[in-house]
């Protein structure tokens, strides 16, 4: 399964409000987009961070179905899911991981 990982930062004193927005609004909106099948929101705990990167508050992992992640990304672009004005949107990083092997579990 292909995954998209999003690192996001809330505006000062807005972490709880953004967490609520993710859970109640954004994640349901995203999962309504054809091709997106799961979402998990995580709080961030930085272990090691290169200089110059923001101190993100959230990591959200979305999972795509299908062989081509571009289909889900195109659907996402068409959906134009709104973002919260409580976030530092210029600090957001989105990365898509394209599955290249068998999922291995312990």
PDB file of N, CA and C in Angstrom:
ATOM      1  N   UNK A   1       0.829  -1.181   0.000  1.00  0.00           N
ATOM      2  CA  UNK A   1       0.000   0.000   0.000  1.00  0.00           C
ATOM      3  C   UNK A   1       0.878   1.252   0.000  1.00  0.00           C
ATOM      4  N   UNK A   2       0.482   2.212  -0.779  1.00  0.00           N
ATOM      5  CA  UNK A   2       1.181   3.489  -0.826  1.00  0.00           C
ATOM      6  C   UNK A   2       0.718   4.342   0.355  1.00  0.00           C
ATOM      7  N   UNK A   3       1.614   5.193   0.822  1.00  0.00           N
ATOM      8  CA  UNK A   3       1.287   6.034   1.972  1.00  0.00           C
ATOM      9  C   UNK A   3       1.670   7.484   1.690  1.00  0.00           C
ATOM     10  N   UNK A   4       0.914   8.394   2.280  1.00  0.00           N
ATOM     11  CA  UNK A   4       1.271   9.804   2.281  1.00  0.00           C
ATOM     12  C   UNK A   4       1.431  10.214   3.735  1.00  0.00           C
ATOM     13  N   UNK A   5       2.567  10.801   4.038  1.00  0.00           N
ATOM     14  CA  UNK A   5       2.841  11.272   5.385  1.00  0.00           C
ATOM     15  C   UNK A   5       2.862  12.791   5.346  1.00  0.00           C
ATOM     16  N   UNK A   6       2.095  13.404   6.242  1.00  0.00           N
ATOM     17  CA  UNK A   6       2.016  14.857   6.315  1.00  0.00           C
ATOM     18  C   UNK A   6       2.493  15.296   7.687  1.00  0.00           C
ATOM     19  N   UNK A   7       3.454  16.209   7.702  1.00  0.00           N
ATOM     20  CA  UNK A   7       3.942  16.821   8.934  1.00  0.00           C
ATOM     21  C   UNK A   7       3.369  18.228   8.985  1.00  0.00           C
ATOM     22  N   UNK A   8       2.701  18.570  10.077  1.00  0.00           N
ATOM     23  CA  UNK A   8       2.011  19.857  10.154  1.00  0.00           C
ATOM     24  C   UNK A   8       2.275  20.545  11.484  1.00  0.00           C
ATOM     25  N   UNK A   9       2.179  21.855  11.449  1.00  0.00           N
ATOM     26  CA  UNK A   9       2.423  22.697  12.621  1.00  0.00           C
ATOM     27  C   UNK A   9       1.208  23.579  12.856  1.00  0.00           C
ATOM     28  N   UNK A  10       0.766  23.626  14.103  1.00  0.00           N
ATOM     29  CA  UNK A  10      -0.338  24.513  14.485  1.00  0.00           C
ATOM     30  C   UNK A  10       0.217  25.902  14.787  1.00  0.00           C
ATOM     31  N   UNK A  11      -0.633  26.905  14.624  1.00  0.00           N
ATOM     32  CA  UNK A  11      -0.261  28.249  15.060  1.00  0.00           C
ATOM     33  C   UNK A  11      -0.120  28.228  16.580  1.00  0.00           C
ATOM     34  N   UNK A  12       0.580  29.207  17.157  1.00  0.00           N
ATOM     35  CA  UNK A  12       0.777  29.216  18.614  1.00  0.00           C
ATOM     36  C   UNK A  12      -0.540  29.066  19.381  1.00  0.00           C
ATOM     37  N   UNK A  13      -0.514  28.215  20.383  1.00  0.00           N
ATOM     38  CA  UNK A  13      -1.652  27.954  21.273  1.00  0.00           C
ATOM     39  C   UNK A  13      -2.870  27.346  20.569  1.00  0.00           C
ATOM     40  N   UNK A  14      -2.663  26.705  19.417  1.00  0.00           N
ATOM     41  CA  UNK A  14      -3.781  26.137  18.672  1.00  0.00           C
ATOM     42  C   UNK A  14      -3.668  24.615  18.489  1.00  0.00           C
ATOM     43  N   UNK A  15      -2.744  23.971  19.185  1.00  0.00           N
ATOM     44  CA  UNK A  15      -2.519  22.535  18.987  1.00  0.00           C
ATOM     45  C   UNK A  15      -3.786  21.726  19.265  1.00  0.00           C
ATOM     46  N   UNK A  16      -4.458  21.992  20.368  1.00  0.00           N
ATOM     47  CA  UNK A  16      -5.671  21.230  20.701  1.00  0.00           C
ATOM     48  C   UNK A  16      -6.776  21.473  19.680  1.00  0.00           C
ATOM     49  N   UNK A  17      -6.936  22.706  19.239  1.00  0.00           N
ATOM     50  CA  UNK A  17      -7.968  23.022  18.243  1.00  0.00           C
ATOM     51  C   UNK A  17      -7.671  22.339  16.909  1.00  0.00           C
ATOM     52  N   UNK A  18      -6.400  22.298  16.524  1.00  0.00           N
ATOM     53  CA  UNK A  18      -6.040  21.640  15.272  1.00  0.00           C
ATOM     54  C   UNK A  18      -6.233  20.128  15.395  1.00  0.00           C
ATOM     55  N   UNK A  19      -5.905  19.555  16.540  1.00  0.00           N
ATOM     56  CA  UNK A  19      -6.134  18.118  16.752  1.00  0.00           C
ATOM     57  C   UNK A  19      -7.615  17.795  16.597  1.00  0.00           C
ATOM     58  N   UNK A  20      -8.473  18.616  17.180  1.00  0.00           N
ATOM     59  CA  UNK A  20      -9.917  18.412  17.058  1.00  0.00           C
ATOM     60  C   UNK A  20     -10.365  18.547  15.603  1.00  0.00           C
ATOM     61  N   UNK A  21      -9.841  19.557  14.899  1.00  0.00           N
ATOM     62  CA  UNK A  21     -10.172  19.755  13.483  1.00  0.00           C
ATOM     63  C   UNK A  21      -9.757  18.544  12.661  1.00  0.00           C
ATOM     64  N   UNK A  22      -8.548  18.027  12.905  1.00  0.00           N
ATOM     65  CA  UNK A  22      -8.109  16.817  12.187  1.00  0.00           C
ATOM     66  C   UNK A  22      -9.110  15.683  12.418  1.00  0.00           C
ATOM     67  N   UNK A  23      -9.416  15.414  13.678  1.00  0.00           N
ATOM     68  CA  UNK A  23     -10.248  14.261  14.018  1.00  0.00           C
ATOM     69  C   UNK A  23     -11.695  14.398  13.545  1.00  0.00           C
ATOM     70  N   UNK A  24     -12.254  15.591  13.664  1.00  0.00           N
ATOM     71  CA  UNK A  24     -13.680  15.761  13.396  1.00  0.00           C
ATOM     72  C   UNK A  24     -13.999  16.255  11.987  1.00  0.00           C
ATOM     73  N   UNK A  25     -13.048  16.905  11.340  1.00  0.00           N
ATOM     74  CA  UNK A  25     -13.335  17.502  10.031  1.00  0.00           C
ATOM     75  C   UNK A  25     -12.407  16.989   8.937  1.00  0.00           C
ATOM     76  N   UNK A  26     -11.102  17.218   9.109  1.00  0.00           N
ATOM     77  CA  UNK A  26     -10.182  16.975   8.007  1.00  0.00           C
ATOM     78  C   UNK A  26     -10.040  15.497   7.646  1.00  0.00           C
ATOM     79  N   UNK A  27      -9.830  14.657   8.634  1.00  0.00           N
ATOM     80  CA  UNK A  27      -9.657  13.231   8.325  1.00  0.00           C
ATOM     81  C   UNK A  27     -10.924  12.653   7.693  1.00  0.00           C
ATOM     82  N   UNK A  28     -12.133  12.936   8.218  1.00  0.00           N
ATOM     83  CA  UNK A  28     -13.331  12.449   7.501  1.00  0.00           C
ATOM     84  C   UNK A  28     -13.428  12.996   6.074  1.00  0.00           C
ATOM     85  N   UNK A  29     -13.079  14.274   5.866  1.00  0.00           N
ATOM     86  CA  UNK A  29     -13.087  14.835   4.508  1.00  0.00           C
ATOM     87  C   UNK A  29     -12.103  14.104   3.608  1.00  0.00           C
ATOM     88  N   UNK A  30     -10.922  13.820   4.124  1.00  0.00           N
ATOM     89  CA  UNK A  30      -9.908  13.129   3.324  1.00  0.00           C
ATOM     90  C   UNK A  30     -10.346  11.708   2.983  1.00  0.00           C
ATOM     91  N   UNK A  31     -10.955  11.017   3.936  1.00  0.00           N
ATOM     92  CA  UNK A  31     -11.363   9.633   3.688  1.00  0.00           C
ATOM     93  C   UNK A  31     -12.576   9.539   2.764  1.00  0.00           C
ATOM     94  N   UNK A  32     -13.213  10.667   2.492  1.00  0.00           N
ATOM     95  CA  UNK A  32     -14.296  10.700   1.502  1.00  0.00           C
ATOM     96  C   UNK A  32     -13.750  10.776   0.075  1.00  0.00           C
ATOM     97  N   UNK A  33     -12.448  11.032  -0.075  1.00  0.00           N
ATOM     98  CA  UNK A  33     -11.805  11.118  -1.386  1.00  0.00           C
ATOM     99  C   UNK A  33     -11.556   9.695  -1.891  1.00  0.00           C
ATOM    100  N   UNK A  34     -12.034   9.354  -3.085  1.00  0.00           N
ATOM    101  CA  UNK A  34     -11.800   8.017  -3.624  1.00  0.00           C
ATOM    102  C   UNK A  34     -10.300   7.683  -3.694  1.00  0.00           C
ATOM    103  N   UNK A  35      -9.959   6.525  -3.162  1.00  0.00           N
ATOM    104  CA  UNK A  35      -8.567   6.077  -3.191  1.00  0.00           C
ATOM    105  C   UNK A  35      -7.854   6.203  -1.855  1.00  0.00           C
ATOM    106  N   UNK A  36      -8.332   7.075  -0.964  1.00  0.00           N
ATOM    107  CA  UNK A  36      -7.761   7.163   0.377  1.00  0.00           C
ATOM    108  C   UNK A  36      -8.566   6.245   1.276  1.00  0.00           C
ATOM    109  N   UNK A  37      -7.880   5.325   1.976  1.00  0.00           N
ATOM    110  CA  UNK A  37      -8.628   4.310   2.714  1.00  0.00           C
ATOM    111  C   UNK A  37      -8.387   4.314   4.216  1.00  0.00           C
ATOM    112  N   UNK A  38      -7.271   4.857   4.677  1.00  0.00           N
ATOM    113  CA  UNK A  38      -7.036   4.956   6.125  1.00  0.00           C
ATOM    114  C   UNK A  38      -6.332   6.256   6.438  1.00  0.00           C
ATOM    115  N   UNK A  39      -6.437   6.670   7.706  1.00  0.00           N
ATOM    116  CA  UNK A  39      -5.726   7.849   8.192  1.00  0.00           C
ATOM    117  C   UNK A  39      -5.433   7.655   9.673  1.00  0.00           C
ATOM    118  N   UNK A  40      -4.246   8.053  10.080  1.00  0.00           N
ATOM    119  CA  UNK A  40      -3.850   7.997  11.487  1.00  0.00           C
ATOM    120  C   UNK A  40      -3.183   9.309  11.847  1.00  0.00           C
ATOM    121  N   UNK A  41      -3.651   9.959  12.917  1.00  0.00           N
ATOM    122  CA  UNK A  41      -3.013  11.191  13.397  1.00  0.00           C
ATOM    123  C   UNK A  41      -2.128  10.848  14.582  1.00  0.00           C
ATOM    124  N   UNK A  42      -0.930  11.419  14.567  1.00  0.00           N
ATOM    125  CA  UNK A  42       0.035  11.204  15.643  1.00  0.00           C
ATOM    126  C   UNK A  42       0.549  12.541  16.160  1.00  0.00           C
ATOM    127  N   UNK A  43       0.806  12.617  17.462  1.00  0.00           N
ATOM    128  CA  UNK A  43       1.542  13.751  18.019  1.00  0.00           C
ATOM    129  C   UNK A  43       3.024  13.498  17.741  1.00  0.00           C
ATOM    130  N   UNK A  44       3.785  14.555  17.623  1.00  0.00           N
ATOM    131  CA  UNK A  44       5.206  14.415  17.288  1.00  0.00           C
ATOM    132  C   UNK A  44       6.069  14.410  18.550  1.00  0.00           C
ATOM    133  N   UNK A  45       7.076  13.555  18.540  1.00  0.00           N
ATOM    134  CA  UNK A  45       8.103  13.526  19.565  1.00  0.00           C
ATOM    135  C   UNK A  45       9.429  13.498  18.809  1.00  0.00           C
ATOM    136  N   UNK A  46      10.101  14.621  18.770  1.00  0.00           N
ATOM    137  CA  UNK A  46      11.333  14.713  17.990  1.00  0.00           C
ATOM    138  C   UNK A  46      12.467  13.999  18.713  1.00  0.00           C
ATOM    139  N   UNK A  47      13.155  13.143  17.986  1.00  0.00           N
ATOM    140  CA  UNK A  47      14.311  12.432  18.517  1.00  0.00           C
ATOM    141  C   UNK A  47      15.590  13.096  18.002  1.00  0.00           C
ATOM    142  N   UNK A  48      15.640  13.371  16.705  1.00  0.00           N
ATOM    143  CA  UNK A  48      16.775  14.042  16.086  1.00  0.00           C
ATOM    144  C   UNK A  48      16.226  14.860  14.926  1.00  0.00           C
ATOM    145  N   UNK A  49      16.651  16.103  14.842  1.00  0.00           N
ATOM    146  CA  UNK A  49      16.112  16.970  13.798  1.00  0.00           C
ATOM    147  C   UNK A  49      17.224  17.849  13.227  1.00  0.00           C
ATOM    148  N   UNK A  50      17.374  17.841  11.902  1.00  0.00           N
ATOM    149  CA  UNK A  50      18.351  18.727  11.284  1.00  0.00           C
ATOM    150  C   UNK A  50      17.965  20.194  11.494  1.00  0.00           C
ATOM    151  N   UNK A  51      18.964  21.039  11.535  1.00  0.00           N
ATOM    152  CA  UNK A  51      18.716  22.475  11.674  1.00  0.00           C
ATOM    153  C   UNK A  51      17.870  22.987  10.516  1.00  0.00           C
ATOM    154  N   UNK A  52      17.038  23.964  10.811  1.00  0.00           N
ATOM    155  CA  UNK A  52      16.264  24.626   9.778  1.00  0.00           C
ATOM    156  C   UNK A  52      14.884  24.042   9.532  1.00  0.00           C
ATOM    157  N   UNK A  53      14.607  22.873  10.102  1.00  0.00           N
ATOM    158  CA  UNK A  53      13.276  22.288   9.925  1.00  0.00           C
ATOM    159  C   UNK A  53      12.357  22.764  11.045  1.00  0.00           C
ATOM    160  N   UNK A  54      11.059  22.906  10.755  1.00  0.00           N
ATOM    161  CA  UNK A  54      10.123  23.316  11.807  1.00  0.00           C
ATOM    162  C   UNK A  54       9.959  22.240  12.869  1.00  0.00           C
ATOM    163  N   UNK A  55       9.490  22.634  14.015  1.00  0.00           N
ATOM    164  CA  UNK A  55       9.129  21.689  15.071  1.00  0.00           C
ATOM    165  C   UNK A  55       7.648  21.361  14.853  1.00  0.00           C
ATOM    166  N   UNK A  56       7.374  20.290  14.099  1.00  0.00           N
ATOM    167  CA  UNK A  56       6.007  19.943  13.757  1.00  0.00           C
ATOM    168  C   UNK A  56       5.254  19.423  14.970  1.00  0.00           C
ATOM    169  N   UNK A  57       3.941  19.647  14.972  1.00  0.00           N
ATOM    170  CA  UNK A  57       3.073  19.175  16.047  1.00  0.00           C
ATOM    171  C   UNK A  57       2.394  17.853  15.704  1.00  0.00           C
ATOM    172  N   UNK A  58       2.183  17.610  14.402  1.00  0.00           N
ATOM    173  CA  UNK A  58       1.411  16.451  13.976  1.00  0.00           C
ATOM    174  C   UNK A  58       2.102  15.702  12.842  1.00  0.00           C
ATOM    175  N   UNK A  59       1.887  14.399  12.839  1.00  0.00           N
ATOM    176  CA  UNK A  59       2.210  13.562  11.692  1.00  0.00           C
ATOM    177  C   UNK A  59       0.933  12.791  11.384  1.00  0.00           C
ATOM    178  N   UNK A  60       0.453  12.902  10.157  1.00  0.00           N
ATOM    179  CA  UNK A  60      -0.732  12.164   9.744  1.00  0.00           C
ATOM    180  C   UNK A  60      -0.316  11.236   8.609  1.00  0.00           C
ATOM    181  N   UNK A  61      -0.671   9.965   8.742  1.00  0.00           N
ATOM    182  CA  UNK A  61      -0.329   8.962   7.746  1.00  0.00           C
ATOM    183  C   UNK A  61      -1.619   8.510   7.066  1.00  0.00           C
ATOM    184  N   UNK A  62      -1.670   8.718   5.751  1.00  0.00           N
ATOM    185  CA  UNK A  62      -2.809   8.293   4.940  1.00  0.00           C
ATOM    186  C   UNK A  62      -2.366   7.110   4.092  1.00  0.00           C
ATOM    187  N   UNK A  63      -3.286   6.203   3.846  1.00  0.00           N
ATOM    188  CA  UNK A  63      -2.972   5.041   3.016  1.00  0.00           C
ATOM    189  C   UNK A  63      -3.860   5.071   1.772  1.00  0.00           C
ATOM    190  N   UNK A  64      -3.234   4.796   0.621  1.00  0.00           N
ATOM    191  CA  UNK A  64      -3.937   4.775  -0.659  1.00  0.00           C
ATOM    192  C   UNK A  64      -4.190   3.337  -1.078  1.00  0.00           C
ATOM    193  N   UNK A  65      -5.324   3.123  -1.774  1.00  0.00           N
ATOM    194  CA  UNK A  65      -5.561   1.821  -2.376  1.00  0.00           C
ATOM    195  C   UNK A  65      -5.193   1.896  -3.848  1.00  0.00           C
ATOM    196  N   UNK A  66      -5.001   0.734  -4.449  1.00  0.00           N
ATOM    197  CA  UNK A  66      -4.724   0.675  -5.882  1.00  0.00           C
ATOM    198  C   UNK A  66      -3.247   0.659  -6.201  1.00  0.00           C
ATOM    199  N   UNK A  67      -2.952   0.342  -7.450  1.00  0.00           N
ATOM    200  CA  UNK A  67      -1.568   0.188  -7.895  1.00  0.00           C
ATOM    201  C   UNK A  67      -0.887   1.521  -8.176  1.00  0.00           C
ATOM    202  N   UNK A  68      -1.655   2.567  -8.469  1.00  0.00           N
ATOM    203  CA  UNK A  68      -1.080   3.841  -8.874  1.00  0.00           C
ATOM    204  C   UNK A  68      -1.479   4.939  -7.890  1.00  0.00           C
ATOM    205  N   UNK A  69      -0.560   5.427  -7.061  1.00  0.00           N
ATOM    206  CA  UNK A  69      -0.914   6.469  -6.097  1.00  0.00           C
ATOM    207  C   UNK A  69      -1.339   7.780  -6.762  1.00  0.00           C
ATOM    208  N   UNK A  70      -0.969   7.968  -8.023  1.00  0.00           N
ATOM    209  CA  UNK A  70      -1.338   9.199  -8.723  1.00  0.00           C
ATOM    210  C   UNK A  70      -2.850   9.314  -8.908  1.00  0.00           C
ATOM    211  N   UNK A  71      -3.562   8.187  -8.936  1.00  0.00           N
ATOM    212  CA  UNK A  71      -5.017   8.218  -9.063  1.00  0.00           C
ATOM    213  C   UNK A  71      -5.613   8.881  -7.819  1.00  0.00           C
ATOM    214  N   UNK A  72      -5.190   8.431  -6.643  1.00  0.00           N
ATOM    215  CA  UNK A  72      -5.691   9.017  -5.400  1.00  0.00           C
ATOM    216  C   UNK A  72      -5.270  10.478  -5.278  1.00  0.00           C
ATOM    217  N   UNK A  73      -4.038  10.787  -5.673  1.00  0.00           N
ATOM    218  CA  UNK A  73      -3.575  12.180  -5.606  1.00  0.00           C
ATOM    219  C   UNK A  73      -4.368  13.080  -6.554  1.00  0.00           C
ATOM    220  N   UNK A  74      -4.711  12.567  -7.734  1.00  0.00           N
ATOM    221  CA  UNK A  74      -5.537  13.340  -8.667  1.00  0.00           C
ATOM    222  C   UNK A  74      -6.929  13.569  -8.077  1.00  0.00           C
ATOM    223  N   UNK A  75      -7.497  12.535  -7.453  1.00  0.00           N
ATOM    224  CA  UNK A  75      -8.795  12.687  -6.802  1.00  0.00           C
ATOM    225  C   UNK A  75      -8.727  13.703  -5.670  1.00  0.00           C
ATOM    226  N   UNK A  76      -7.631  13.690  -4.944  1.00  0.00           N
ATOM    227  CA  UNK A  76      -7.435  14.649  -3.857  1.00  0.00           C
ATOM    228  C   UNK A  76      -7.372  16.074  -4.396  1.00  0.00           C
ATOM    229  N   UNK A  77      -6.670  16.256  -5.507  1.00  0.00           N
ATOM    230  CA  UNK A  77      -6.599  17.571  -6.133  1.00  0.00           C
ATOM    231  C   UNK A  77      -7.955  18.069  -6.586  1.00  0.00           C
ATOM    232  N   UNK A  78      -8.764  17.174  -7.119  1.00  0.00           N
ATOM    233  CA  UNK A  78     -10.114  17.530  -7.569  1.00  0.00           C
ATOM    234  C   UNK A  78     -11.021  17.875  -6.385  1.00  0.00           C
ATOM    235  N   UNK A  79     -10.830  17.186  -5.267  1.00  0.00           N
ATOM    236  CA  UNK A  79     -11.699  17.375  -4.104  1.00  0.00           C
ATOM    237  C   UNK A  79     -11.472  18.733  -3.432  1.00  0.00           C
ATOM    238  N   UNK A  80     -10.282  19.274  -3.550  1.00  0.00           N
ATOM    239  CA  UNK A  80      -9.942  20.559  -2.934  1.00  0.00           C
ATOM    240  C   UNK A  80     -10.388  20.609  -1.474  1.00  0.00           C
ATOM    241  N   UNK A  81      -9.919  19.658  -0.681  1.00  0.00           N
ATOM    242  CA  UNK A  81     -10.252  19.582   0.739  1.00  0.00           C
ATOM    243  C   UNK A  81      -9.695  20.828   1.439  1.00  0.00           C
ATOM    244  N   UNK A  82     -10.542  21.591   2.138  1.00  0.00           N
ATOM    245  CA  UNK A  82     -10.071  22.827   2.772  1.00  0.00           C
ATOM    246  C   UNK A  82      -9.132  22.563   3.949  1.00  0.00           C
ATOM    247  N   UNK A  83      -8.226  23.497   4.159  1.00  0.00           N
ATOM    248  CA  UNK A  83      -7.300  23.429   5.288  1.00  0.00           C
ATOM    249  C   UNK A  83      -7.747  24.389   6.377  1.00  0.00           C
ATOM    250  N   UNK A  84      -7.235  24.190   7.558  1.00  0.00           N
ATOM    251  CA  UNK A  84      -7.589  25.040   8.693  1.00  0.00           C
ATOM    252  C   UNK A  84      -6.714  26.283   8.721  1.00  0.00           C
ATOM    253  N   UNK A  85      -7.318  27.417   9.064  1.00  0.00           N
ATOM    254  CA  UNK A  85      -6.534  28.642   9.224  1.00  0.00           C
ATOM    255  C   UNK A  85      -5.835  28.678  10.574  1.00  0.00           C
ATOM    256  N   UNK A  86      -5.967  27.620  11.374  1.00  0.00           N
ATOM    257  CA  UNK A  86      -5.284  27.509  12.661  1.00  0.00           C
ATOM    258  C   UNK A  86      -3.905  26.871  12.516  1.00  0.00           C
ATOM    259  N   UNK A  87      -3.546  26.529  11.271  1.00  0.00           N
ATOM    260  CA  UNK A  87      -2.261  25.877  11.015  1.00  0.00           C
ATOM    261  C   UNK A  87      -1.284  26.842  10.364  1.00  0.00           C
ATOM    262  N   UNK A  88      -0.011  26.564  10.556  1.00  0.00           N
ATOM    263  CA  UNK A  88       1.064  27.268   9.853  1.00  0.00           C
ATOM    264  C   UNK A  88       1.255  26.543   8.527  1.00  0.00           C
ATOM    265  N   UNK A  89       0.415  26.842   7.547  1.00  0.00           N
ATOM    266  CA  UNK A  89       0.395  26.063   6.310  1.00  0.00           C
ATOM    267  C   UNK A  89       1.708  26.123   5.532  1.00  0.00           C
ATOM    268  N   UNK A  90       2.485  27.176   5.697  1.00  0.00           N
ATOM    269  CA  UNK A  90       3.774  27.254   4.994  1.00  0.00           C
ATOM    270  C   UNK A  90       4.802  26.313   5.609  1.00  0.00           C
ATOM    271  N   UNK A  91       4.483  25.729   6.762  1.00  0.00           N
ATOM    272  CA  UNK A  91       5.405  24.814   7.441  1.00  0.00           C
ATOM    273  C   UNK A  91       5.044  23.343   7.206  1.00  0.00           C
ATOM    274  N   UNK A  92       4.011  23.078   6.399  1.00  0.00           N
ATOM    275  CA  UNK A  92       3.549  21.711   6.167  1.00  0.00           C
ATOM    276  C   UNK A  92       4.444  20.998   5.157  1.00  0.00           C
ATOM    277  N   UNK A  93       4.747  19.745   5.455  1.00  0.00           N
ATOM    278  CA  UNK A  93       5.521  18.893   4.548  1.00  0.00           C
ATOM    279  C   UNK A  93       4.693  17.656   4.251  1.00  0.00           C
ATOM    280  N   UNK A  94       4.476  17.362   2.975  1.00  0.00           N
ATOM    281  CA  UNK A  94       3.748  16.157   2.553  1.00  0.00           C
ATOM    282  C   UNK A  94       4.672  15.304   1.690  1.00  0.00           C
ATOM    283  N   UNK A  95       4.711  14.017   2.006  1.00  0.00           N
ATOM    284  CA  UNK A  95       5.583  13.081   1.293  1.00  0.00           C
ATOM    285  C   UNK A  95       4.762  11.845   0.944  1.00  0.00           C
ATOM    286  N   UNK A  96       4.895  11.354  -0.291  1.00  0.00           N
ATOM    287  CA  UNK A  96       4.233  10.113  -0.690  1.00  0.00           C
ATOM    288  C   UNK A  96       5.291   9.021  -0.801  1.00  0.00           C
ATOM    289  N   UNK A  97       5.034   7.913  -0.126  1.00  0.00           N
ATOM    290  CA  UNK A  97       5.888   6.734  -0.223  1.00  0.00           C
ATOM    291  C   UNK A  97       5.227   5.726  -1.135  1.00  0.00           C
ATOM    292  N   UNK A  98       5.922   5.319  -2.177  1.00  0.00           N
ATOM    293  CA  UNK A  98       5.380   4.382  -3.143  1.00  0.00           C
ATOM    294  C   UNK A  98       5.853   2.980  -2.773  1.00  0.00           C
ATOM    295  N   UNK A  99       4.890   2.108  -2.517  1.00  0.00           N
ATOM    296  CA  UNK A  99       5.187   0.760  -2.068  1.00  0.00           C
ATOM    297  C   UNK A  99       6.061   0.031  -3.085  1.00  0.00           C
ATOM    298  N   UNK A 100       7.110  -0.613  -2.588  1.00  0.00           N
ATOM    299  CA  UNK A 100       8.006  -1.340  -3.482  1.00  0.00           C
ATOM    300  C   UNK A 100       8.252  -2.766  -3.029  1.00  0.00           C
ATOM    301  N   UNK A 101       7.477  -3.227  -2.101  1.00  0.00           N
ATOM    302  CA  UNK A 101       7.721  -4.579  -1.667  1.00  0.00           C
ATOM    303  C   UNK A 101       6.593  -5.131  -0.842  1.00  0.00           C
ATOM    304  N   UNK A 102       6.822  -6.301  -0.314  1.00  0.00           N
ATOM    305  CA  UNK A 102       5.844  -6.982   0.500  1.00  0.00           C
ATOM    306  C   UNK A 102       5.860  -6.400   1.892  1.00  0.00           C
ATOM    307  N   UNK A 103       4.692  -6.226   2.471  1.00  0.00           N
ATOM    308  CA  UNK A 103       4.594  -5.749   3.847  1.00  0.00           C
ATOM    309  C   UNK A 103       5.027  -6.881   4.776  1.00  0.00           C
ATOM    310  N   UNK A 104       5.955  -6.605   5.665  1.00  0.00           N
ATOM    311  CA  UNK A 104       6.489  -7.607   6.575  1.00  0.00           C
ATOM    312  C   UNK A 104       6.075  -7.261   8.003  1.00  0.00           C
ATOM    313  N   UNK A 105       5.580  -8.224   8.717  1.00  0.00           N
ATOM    314  CA  UNK A 105       5.178  -8.015  10.098  1.00  0.00           C
ATOM    315  C   UNK A 105       5.911  -8.989  11.006  1.00  0.00           C
ATOM    316  N   UNK A 106       6.140  -8.563  12.244  1.00  0.00           N
ATOM    317  CA  UNK A 106       6.828  -9.419  13.210  1.00  0.00           C
ATOM    318  C   UNK A 106       5.899 -10.474  13.750  1.00  0.00           C
TER     319      UNK A 106
END
